[in-house]
Amino acid sequence: MYSISLAVEDRIEYETLAQWITEEFKEDCVIVETELNHLHVHIAVVEVSKWLDWVKIHRFRKKNKECRIIPLLDPTLLYTSPLAVEFKLNHLLVKSVKKHIFLRTIKRAIQELTNVSDRLMEEDELFKQIHHEQPTDRNTQPFQEAFLRRLMSGDVTTEEELIESRSFLPGKAVPNVVCFIQGFVNNPTRREKEGWHASSIIQDFLRKRFQGHQLSFLPYRKHLIMLIQVPNEYVSLRYWKAGEDKMLDTIQALEKEYGIYLYIGVGSIYREPLLLHHSYKEACKARRTSPYDRISLRYFEEITTDVQIKKCTDYIARYCTEDLSIKRVADQINLSVPYFSRIFKQETGRNFVEYVTFVRMQRAVWLLRHTNHTIEWIAEELGFNTPNYFSGTFKKYVGLSPREYRATEEIVFV
C-alpha cells in the first residue's frame, strides 16, 4: 500500500484529485492528510502557486529522498519549471491538469517505486558522485536565478520571502546595485573559429577583476545583469574609485583581447534588497541615455533631474530625425538660446549639437542592427547631408564605421 499526500490549498481541487486517486487506485494507495513538513510518504503532489513553494519542495526533498514528489505548477510560474529538473524530479504537472494525465503520472510514480532497477540505482549513485565533485552551491543555482528574476521584477515584496530565500543567494554579501550590460563582438568569424562564448568571457573577466567581492550574474531579457555590493562608505558606484577602475579595465581588456565591445549602465545604490528592482530600472535607463562623460560606462545619477531639461531631451528623442535647431528646442521651455545652451550643457554634460548627434547615433545603431536599410537611406533618414559625413560621425562615436558595425554580432545573453 502506497501513501499519497496532496499538498493543495483549494479544497474543491483537493477533493477532485483525491476522488480520482481513490477511484483508480483504491486497492493500492491511501491518501494521508498531514502537514508536509512532518510527513513521510511514498508520493507527494505539491502545489506550486508561489515561488516559495519551490523552497518547501527543496527542503522536503532533502528529508524524504525516496519520496516521489510531483509539483502541481500554476501556469504563471512555468518559467520556474527547470527547477524540477535540477531537483531530479521525474514528473511535473501544470494546472488545470486533466484527469487522464494526472492518473497516468501517479501510475508512473507507483511503477518507479515498485520497480527500482539496478540501473536506476547506479544512475543515482553517479548523480551523487557528480554533485559531490561539483561546487557545493550547484543545487542552489536555479534558486538564485529564479529569486533574482523576481527581485528584479519587483515581485519579492515581503521580508519573510526575502529571509526564506536568503540561504540560496551566493556568499554573505547582499547586492545593493544593479549593472545593465550589453555589447557586441567585432569579429564573429574569429569567435566561431576559436569556439568561445562572449557571455562566459565577460563574466570570467569581471569575476577575476572583482575577486574578493561577491558578484551575481543573471541573463535577463537578452541582456546581462550584474549585481554587486558596493562598500557601505560609498553612496554610488561612481565614487568607489577602485570598483569603477575594475569595470573600465574590464571593458578595455575585452575590446583589446577579444574584440568585445561592452556598454554598462549603473543604477543607484539601494541598501534595502526589496527596493533593488529600482536599481535595475535605473541601470536600463542609464544604458540608453546620452552619457555625461563616457559612452561605455554610464550612471543613473548623471541623468538630469531638471524638469525643463528633461522636457527638452524627450523632445529631442521624439524629433531627432528632423532638422532640430537649438532655438526650436529652447522655445519648448521659453528660454533664450544663450541661457538654454548654458544650462543644457551643465545638466547633460554635452553641448546641444553633441547631444542631438548622439541621439541620432543611437537611432542609427538600432537601424543598422534591426533593419536592412542601406547606409545611404539611414544617413538621409537621420538628416545627414551625405553618407560619408554620416559614416565619419558614426565612427567617431561608435569606434567603427556603419558597414563594420553591421558586420558585428550582438551578444545575446541567454
Protein backbone atom coordinates (compact mmCIF):
# COMPACT_ATOMS: atom_id res chain seq x y z
CA MET A 1 0.00 0.00 0.00
CA TYR A 2 1.40 3.36 -1.06
CA SER A 3 0.71 6.57 0.82
CA ILE A 4 -0.05 9.73 -1.15
CA SER A 5 -0.12 13.30 0.11
CA LEU A 6 -1.96 16.12 -1.67
CA ALA A 7 -0.50 19.47 -0.62
CA VAL A 8 -3.18 21.53 -2.38
CA GLU A 9 -4.81 24.56 -0.76
CA ASP A 10 -8.08 24.78 -2.68
CA ARG A 11 -10.47 22.31 -1.04
CA ILE A 12 -12.50 21.63 -4.18
CA GLU A 13 -9.35 20.91 -6.16
CA TYR A 14 -8.07 18.71 -3.33
CA GLU A 15 -11.28 16.65 -3.22
CA THR A 16 -11.28 16.26 -7.01
CA LEU A 17 -7.73 14.88 -7.06
CA ALA A 18 -8.42 12.69 -4.03
CA GLN A 19 -11.51 11.23 -5.71
CA TRP A 20 -9.54 10.43 -8.87
CA ILE A 21 -6.91 8.59 -6.82
CA THR A 22 -9.46 6.71 -4.74
CA GLU A 23 -11.41 5.56 -7.80
CA GLU A 24 -8.35 4.42 -9.74
CA PHE A 25 -6.01 3.12 -7.00
CA LYS A 26 -8.31 2.15 -4.11
CA GLU A 27 -6.55 -1.22 -3.70
CA ASP A 28 -3.03 0.17 -3.86
CA CYS A 29 -3.00 3.67 -2.34
CA VAL A 30 -4.15 5.59 0.68
CA ILE A 31 -4.36 9.37 0.96
CA VAL A 32 -2.60 10.82 4.00
CA GLU A 33 -3.72 14.19 5.36
CA THR A 34 -0.77 15.56 7.33
CA GLU A 35 1.40 18.67 7.19
CA LEU A 36 4.04 18.23 4.51
CA ASN A 37 6.87 19.22 6.87
CA HIS A 38 6.09 16.33 9.20
CA LEU A 39 5.34 13.76 6.58
CA HIS A 40 6.96 10.59 5.29
CA VAL A 41 5.02 9.36 2.29
CA HIS A 42 5.68 7.48 -0.93
CA ILE A 43 4.19 10.09 -3.27
CA ALA A 44 3.62 13.82 -2.64
CA VAL A 45 1.67 16.04 -5.02
CA VAL A 46 2.75 19.56 -4.07
CA GLU A 47 1.02 22.68 -5.36
CA VAL A 48 3.40 25.41 -6.62
CA SER A 49 1.39 28.64 -6.65
CA LYS A 50 4.18 30.93 -5.49
CA TRP A 51 7.93 30.90 -5.76
CA LEU A 52 8.40 29.98 -2.08
CA ASP A 53 6.69 26.63 -2.69
CA TRP A 54 9.83 25.52 -4.54
CA VAL A 55 11.77 26.26 -1.35
CA LYS A 56 9.41 23.94 0.56
CA ILE A 57 9.85 21.22 -2.07
CA HIS A 58 13.63 21.61 -1.89
CA ARG A 59 13.60 21.14 1.88
CA PHE A 60 11.11 18.27 1.76
CA ARG A 61 13.20 16.55 -0.92
CA LYS A 62 16.30 16.64 1.30
CA LYS A 63 14.40 14.98 4.17
CA ASN A 64 12.49 12.47 2.03
CA LYS A 65 14.86 11.32 -0.70
CA GLU A 66 12.84 8.20 -1.55
CA CYS A 67 9.55 10.09 -1.95
CA ARG A 68 8.27 10.71 -5.48
CA ILE A 69 7.46 14.43 -5.49
CA ILE A 70 5.12 15.70 -8.20
CA PRO A 71 4.91 19.52 -8.42
CA LEU A 72 1.49 20.86 -9.50
CA LEU A 73 2.53 24.10 -11.15
CA ASP A 74 0.49 27.27 -11.59
CA PRO A 75 0.73 28.35 -15.28
CA THR A 76 2.07 31.77 -14.28
CA LEU A 77 5.15 30.05 -12.83
CA LEU A 78 6.07 27.98 -15.87
CA TYR A 79 9.38 29.85 -16.09
CA THR A 80 10.42 28.12 -12.86
CA SER A 81 9.88 24.60 -14.29
CA PRO A 82 13.67 23.99 -14.80
CA LEU A 83 13.86 23.68 -11.01
CA ALA A 84 12.07 20.34 -11.29
CA VAL A 85 14.92 19.05 -13.45
CA GLU A 86 17.52 20.49 -11.10
CA PHE A 87 15.90 18.71 -8.12
CA LYS A 88 15.88 15.48 -10.14
CA LEU A 89 12.09 15.24 -10.08
CA ASN A 90 10.80 12.89 -12.75
CA HIS A 91 7.31 14.38 -13.01
CA LEU A 92 5.68 17.79 -13.36
CA LEU A 93 2.01 18.72 -13.72
CA VAL A 94 0.54 22.06 -14.74
CA LYS A 95 -2.85 23.35 -13.64
CA SER A 96 -5.58 22.70 -14.57
CA VAL A 97 -4.46 19.14 -15.02
CA LYS A 98 -6.67 16.69 -16.92
CA LYS A 99 -7.77 13.52 -15.18
CA HIS A 100 -6.06 11.03 -17.51
CA ILE A 101 -2.74 12.94 -17.32
CA PHE A 102 -2.91 13.13 -13.52
CA LEU A 103 -3.68 9.41 -13.14
CA ARG A 104 -1.02 8.44 -15.67
CA THR A 105 1.57 10.43 -13.70
CA ILE A 106 0.55 8.80 -10.40
CA LYS A 107 0.73 5.37 -12.06
CA ARG A 108 4.25 6.05 -13.32
CA ALA A 109 5.34 7.17 -9.85
CA ILE A 110 3.98 3.92 -8.40
CA GLN A 111 5.81 1.90 -11.05
CA GLU A 112 9.05 3.68 -10.16
CA LEU A 113 8.58 2.76 -6.52
CA THR A 114 7.74 -0.85 -7.42
CA ASN A 115 10.44 -1.47 -9.99
CA VAL A 116 13.64 0.24 -8.85
CA SER A 117 16.21 -1.37 -11.11
CA ASP A 118 19.93 -1.71 -10.56
CA ARG A 119 20.44 0.63 -13.49
CA LEU A 120 18.48 3.40 -11.79
CA MET A 121 20.39 2.82 -8.59
CA GLU A 122 23.65 3.13 -10.48
CA GLU A 123 22.46 6.33 -12.12
CA ASP A 124 21.53 7.71 -8.72
CA GLU A 125 24.98 6.93 -7.37
CA LEU A 126 26.55 8.55 -10.41
CA PHE A 127 24.36 11.61 -9.90
CA LYS A 128 25.52 11.87 -6.29
CA GLN A 129 29.15 11.46 -7.33
CA ILE A 130 28.88 14.21 -9.95
CA HIS A 131 27.32 16.58 -7.45
CA HIS A 132 29.89 15.64 -4.86
CA GLU A 133 32.67 16.64 -7.25
CA GLN A 134 30.98 19.88 -8.28
CA PRO A 135 30.87 23.09 -6.20
CA THR A 136 28.61 22.88 -3.18
CA ASP A 137 26.31 25.60 -4.48
CA ARG A 138 25.40 23.59 -7.61
CA ASN A 139 21.84 22.81 -6.49
CA THR A 140 21.11 26.35 -5.42
CA GLN A 141 21.90 27.96 -8.78
CA PRO A 142 18.33 27.71 -10.16
CA PHE A 143 17.04 29.20 -6.92
CA GLN A 144 19.49 32.05 -7.21
CA GLU A 145 18.37 32.84 -10.75
CA ALA A 146 14.66 32.44 -10.02
CA PHE A 147 14.90 34.59 -6.91
CA LEU A 148 16.96 37.30 -8.62
CA ARG A 149 14.48 37.42 -11.52
CA ARG A 150 11.66 38.00 -9.07
CA LEU A 151 13.75 40.58 -7.24
CA MET A 152 14.44 42.48 -10.50
CA SER A 153 10.77 42.49 -11.47
CA GLY A 154 9.68 43.74 -8.04
CA ASP A 155 7.73 40.56 -7.24
CA VAL A 156 9.52 40.00 -3.92
CA THR A 157 7.52 42.22 -1.58
CA THR A 158 7.84 40.77 1.92
CA GLU A 159 10.67 40.43 4.40
CA GLU A 160 9.51 36.86 5.06
CA GLU A 161 10.18 35.76 1.50
CA LEU A 162 13.49 37.59 1.49
CA ILE A 163 14.59 35.81 4.67
CA GLU A 164 13.37 32.42 3.38
CA SER A 165 15.31 32.85 0.13
CA ARG A 166 18.46 34.34 1.63
CA SER A 167 20.12 30.95 2.07
CA PHE A 168 20.02 30.39 -1.68
CA LEU A 169 21.97 33.53 -2.54
CA PRO A 170 25.73 33.17 -3.04
CA GLY A 171 28.02 34.41 -0.31
CA LYS A 172 27.19 36.64 2.62
CA ALA A 173 27.00 39.97 0.81
CA VAL A 174 23.54 41.02 -0.36
CA PRO A 175 23.90 43.06 -3.58
CA ASN A 176 22.92 46.72 -3.43
CA VAL A 177 23.40 47.95 -7.00
CA VAL A 178 22.50 46.66 -10.46
CA CYS A 179 24.61 46.96 -13.62
CA PHE A 180 22.91 46.57 -17.01
CA ILE A 181 25.31 45.07 -19.57
CA GLN A 182 25.07 44.93 -23.37
CA GLY A 183 27.66 44.53 -26.08
CA PHE A 184 28.74 43.14 -29.41
CA VAL A 185 31.55 41.04 -30.87
CA ASN A 186 33.59 42.85 -33.50
CA ASN A 187 34.74 39.69 -35.29
CA PRO A 188 32.09 36.91 -35.22
CA THR A 189 34.17 34.75 -37.57
CA ARG A 190 37.07 34.72 -35.11
CA ARG A 191 34.70 33.87 -32.25
CA GLU A 192 33.26 30.92 -34.15
CA LYS A 193 36.70 29.69 -35.19
CA GLU A 194 38.12 29.88 -31.66
CA GLY A 195 34.95 28.47 -30.11
CA TRP A 196 34.46 30.83 -27.19
CA HIS A 197 31.25 32.35 -25.86
CA ALA A 198 31.19 36.08 -25.24
CA SER A 199 28.86 35.85 -22.25
CA SER A 200 31.18 33.46 -20.39
CA ILE A 201 34.27 35.51 -21.27
CA ILE A 202 32.65 38.70 -19.94
CA GLN A 203 31.62 37.09 -16.66
CA ASP A 204 35.05 35.49 -16.19
CA PHE A 205 36.81 38.83 -16.75
CA LEU A 206 34.57 40.63 -14.27
CA ARG A 207 34.89 37.92 -11.62
CA LYS A 208 38.66 37.96 -11.96
CA ARG A 209 38.89 41.71 -11.51
CA PHE A 210 36.36 41.79 -8.67
CA GLN A 211 37.99 38.89 -6.87
CA GLY A 212 37.13 39.17 -3.20
CA HIS A 213 33.83 40.91 -3.96
CA GLN A 214 30.62 38.95 -4.30
CA LEU A 215 29.16 39.18 -7.83
CA SER A 216 25.93 37.68 -9.15
CA PHE A 217 25.10 37.43 -12.85
CA LEU A 218 21.68 36.98 -14.40
CA PRO A 219 20.83 36.72 -18.10
CA TYR A 220 17.64 38.76 -18.26
CA ARG A 221 15.64 39.77 -21.34
CA LYS A 222 18.55 39.22 -23.76
CA HIS A 223 21.00 41.34 -21.76
CA LEU A 224 23.14 40.60 -18.71
CA ILE A 225 22.59 41.89 -15.20
CA MET A 226 25.46 42.09 -12.76
CA LEU A 227 24.63 42.60 -9.10
CA ILE A 228 27.31 43.73 -6.72
CA GLN A 229 27.62 45.10 -3.20
CA VAL A 230 29.31 48.48 -3.14
CA PRO A 231 31.03 49.07 0.23
CA ASN A 232 28.91 50.95 2.76
CA GLU A 233 31.14 54.03 2.81
CA TYR A 234 30.17 54.90 -0.78
CA VAL A 235 26.84 56.39 -1.84
CA SER A 236 27.38 55.48 -5.51
CA LEU A 237 29.49 53.10 -7.54
CA ARG A 238 30.97 56.08 -9.39
CA TYR A 239 32.51 57.30 -6.11
CA TRP A 240 34.00 53.85 -5.46
CA LYS A 241 37.14 54.54 -7.47
CA ALA A 242 38.56 51.03 -7.15
CA GLY A 243 35.31 49.48 -8.38
CA GLU A 244 34.95 51.87 -11.30
CA ASP A 245 38.57 51.24 -12.33
CA LYS A 246 37.93 47.49 -12.34
CA MET A 247 34.96 47.94 -14.67
CA LEU A 248 36.81 50.26 -17.03
CA ASP A 249 39.78 47.91 -17.06
CA THR A 250 37.45 45.02 -17.94
CA ILE A 251 35.89 46.99 -20.80
CA GLN A 252 39.29 47.89 -22.25
CA ALA A 253 40.73 44.40 -21.84
CA LEU A 254 37.75 42.72 -23.51
CA GLU A 255 37.98 45.03 -26.50
CA LYS A 256 41.74 44.53 -26.83
CA GLU A 257 41.87 40.76 -26.32
CA TYR A 258 38.61 39.55 -27.85
CA GLY A 259 37.11 42.42 -29.81
CA ILE A 260 34.19 42.53 -27.39
CA TYR A 261 32.70 46.00 -27.05
CA LEU A 262 30.91 46.37 -23.74
CA TYR A 263 28.42 49.03 -22.59
CA ILE A 264 27.28 49.23 -18.98
CA GLY A 265 24.53 51.21 -17.29
CA VAL A 266 24.69 51.53 -13.50
CA GLY A 267 21.73 52.12 -11.19
CA SER A 268 21.63 53.78 -7.79
CA ILE A 269 22.56 52.01 -4.55
CA TYR A 270 19.66 50.55 -2.56
CA ARG A 271 20.60 49.18 0.83
CA GLU A 272 17.12 47.63 1.17
CA PRO A 273 17.03 44.49 -1.04
CA LEU A 274 13.27 44.77 -1.61
CA LEU A 275 13.92 48.01 -3.49
CA LEU A 276 16.67 46.63 -5.71
CA HIS A 277 14.32 46.45 -8.71
CA HIS A 278 14.50 50.26 -8.81
CA SER A 279 18.25 50.00 -9.38
CA TYR A 280 17.59 47.66 -12.31
CA LYS A 281 15.20 50.12 -13.98
CA GLU A 282 17.67 52.94 -13.41
CA ALA A 283 20.54 50.91 -14.88
CA CYS A 284 18.44 50.27 -18.02
CA LYS A 285 17.72 53.98 -18.34
CA ALA A 286 21.37 54.90 -17.79
CA ARG A 287 22.46 52.49 -20.53
CA ARG A 288 20.06 54.10 -23.04
CA THR A 289 20.66 57.72 -22.13
CA SER A 290 23.26 60.02 -23.65
CA PRO A 291 26.35 59.73 -21.43
CA TYR A 292 27.52 62.64 -19.31
CA ASP A 293 31.13 61.53 -19.57
CA ARG A 294 31.98 58.20 -21.25
CA ILE A 295 29.90 56.06 -23.57
CA SER A 296 30.98 52.68 -22.17
CA LEU A 297 30.02 53.30 -18.53
CA ARG A 298 27.02 55.41 -17.60
CA TYR A 299 25.45 56.21 -14.23
CA PHE A 300 21.82 56.90 -13.49
CA GLU A 301 22.85 59.65 -11.07
CA GLU A 302 24.32 61.56 -14.01
CA ILE A 303 20.96 61.84 -15.76
CA THR A 304 19.48 65.29 -15.28
CA THR A 305 16.57 65.70 -12.88
CA ASP A 306 15.78 69.22 -14.09
CA VAL A 307 12.16 69.12 -15.27
CA GLN A 308 12.67 71.64 -18.06
CA ILE A 309 15.79 69.96 -19.44
CA LYS A 310 14.08 66.57 -19.28
CA LYS A 311 11.27 68.01 -21.35
CA CYS A 312 13.83 69.11 -23.92
CA THR A 313 15.67 65.77 -24.03
CA ASP A 314 12.34 63.98 -24.51
CA TYR A 315 11.56 66.39 -27.35
CA ILE A 316 14.95 65.70 -28.96
CA ALA A 317 14.40 61.94 -28.74
CA ARG A 318 10.99 62.33 -30.40
CA TYR A 319 12.11 64.58 -33.25
CA CYS A 320 15.78 63.60 -33.67
CA THR A 321 15.29 62.74 -37.36
CA GLU A 322 14.09 66.26 -38.14
CA ASP A 323 16.09 69.46 -38.58
CA LEU A 324 16.42 70.40 -34.92
CA SER A 325 17.77 73.86 -34.18
CA ILE A 326 18.75 74.94 -30.71
CA LYS A 327 16.17 77.73 -30.90
CA ARG A 328 13.39 75.28 -31.70
CA VAL A 329 14.18 73.22 -28.62
CA ALA A 330 14.78 76.25 -26.36
CA ASP A 331 11.36 77.55 -27.38
CA GLN A 332 9.77 74.46 -25.85
CA ILE A 333 10.57 75.84 -22.39
CA ASN A 334 10.53 79.54 -23.27
CA LEU A 335 14.22 80.19 -22.66
CA SER A 336 16.67 82.32 -24.60
CA VAL A 337 19.21 80.42 -26.66
CA PRO A 338 22.30 81.59 -24.67
CA TYR A 339 20.75 80.69 -21.30
CA PHE A 340 19.36 77.39 -22.57
CA SER A 341 22.72 76.48 -24.11
CA ARG A 342 24.49 77.05 -20.81
CA ILE A 343 22.15 75.07 -18.56
CA PHE A 344 21.74 72.29 -21.15
CA LYS A 345 25.45 71.51 -21.13
CA GLN A 346 25.57 71.87 -17.37
CA GLU A 347 22.81 69.28 -16.93
CA THR A 348 23.68 66.81 -19.70
CA GLY A 349 27.46 67.14 -19.92
CA ARG A 350 27.27 67.84 -23.65
CA ASN A 351 26.50 70.85 -25.79
CA PHE A 352 23.31 70.84 -27.80
CA VAL A 353 24.83 69.70 -31.11
CA GLU A 354 26.78 66.86 -29.48
CA TYR A 355 23.71 65.66 -27.63
CA VAL A 356 21.48 65.65 -30.71
CA THR A 357 24.18 63.86 -32.69
CA PHE A 358 24.50 61.17 -30.04
CA VAL A 359 20.74 60.57 -30.01
CA ARG A 360 20.84 60.21 -33.78
CA MET A 361 23.71 57.76 -33.48
CA GLN A 362 21.65 55.68 -31.06
CA ARG A 363 18.92 55.58 -33.67
CA ALA A 364 21.47 54.69 -36.34
CA VAL A 365 22.75 51.77 -34.27
CA TRP A 366 19.21 50.38 -33.97
CA LEU A 367 18.53 50.78 -37.70
CA LEU A 368 21.80 49.11 -38.67
CA ARG A 369 21.18 46.18 -36.33
CA HIS A 370 17.47 45.60 -36.89
CA THR A 371 16.72 46.67 -40.48
CA ASN A 372 18.07 46.06 -43.97
CA HIS A 373 18.00 49.72 -44.97
CA THR A 374 21.04 50.92 -46.88
CA ILE A 375 23.56 53.18 -45.19
CA GLU A 376 22.58 55.89 -47.65
CA TRP A 377 18.92 55.60 -46.62
CA ILE A 378 19.80 55.71 -42.90
CA ALA A 379 22.02 58.75 -43.40
CA GLU A 380 19.21 60.60 -45.15
CA GLU A 381 16.63 59.47 -42.60
CA LEU A 382 18.73 60.91 -39.77
CA GLY A 383 19.27 64.24 -41.51
CA PHE A 384 22.87 63.89 -42.70
CA ASN A 385 23.76 65.66 -45.93
CA THR A 386 25.98 62.87 -47.27
CA PRO A 387 26.62 59.21 -46.42
CA ASN A 388 30.31 60.00 -45.95
CA TYR A 389 29.54 62.63 -43.33
CA PHE A 390 27.23 60.17 -41.57
CA SER A 391 29.86 57.41 -41.66
CA GLY A 392 32.55 59.69 -40.27
CA THR A 393 30.30 60.84 -37.44
CA PHE A 394 29.21 57.29 -36.67
CA LYS A 395 32.81 56.07 -36.42
CA LYS A 396 33.69 58.96 -34.12
CA TYR A 397 31.00 57.95 -31.63
CA VAL A 398 30.92 54.15 -32.01
CA GLY A 399 34.51 53.39 -32.97
CA LEU A 400 33.52 51.52 -36.12
CA SER A 401 32.12 52.57 -39.47
CA PRO A 402 28.44 51.79 -40.15
CA ARG A 403 29.44 48.98 -42.50
CA GLU A 404 31.82 47.50 -39.92
CA TYR A 405 29.22 47.77 -37.17
CA ARG A 406 26.61 45.99 -39.27
CA ALA A 407 29.03 43.07 -39.65
CA THR A 408 29.41 42.71 -35.87
CA GLU A 409 27.47 40.25 -33.74
CA GLU A 410 25.19 41.41 -30.95
CA ILE A 411 25.74 39.49 -27.74
CA VAL A 412 22.51 37.83 -26.69
CA PHE A 413 22.76 36.67 -23.08
CA VAL A 414 20.70 33.55 -22.50
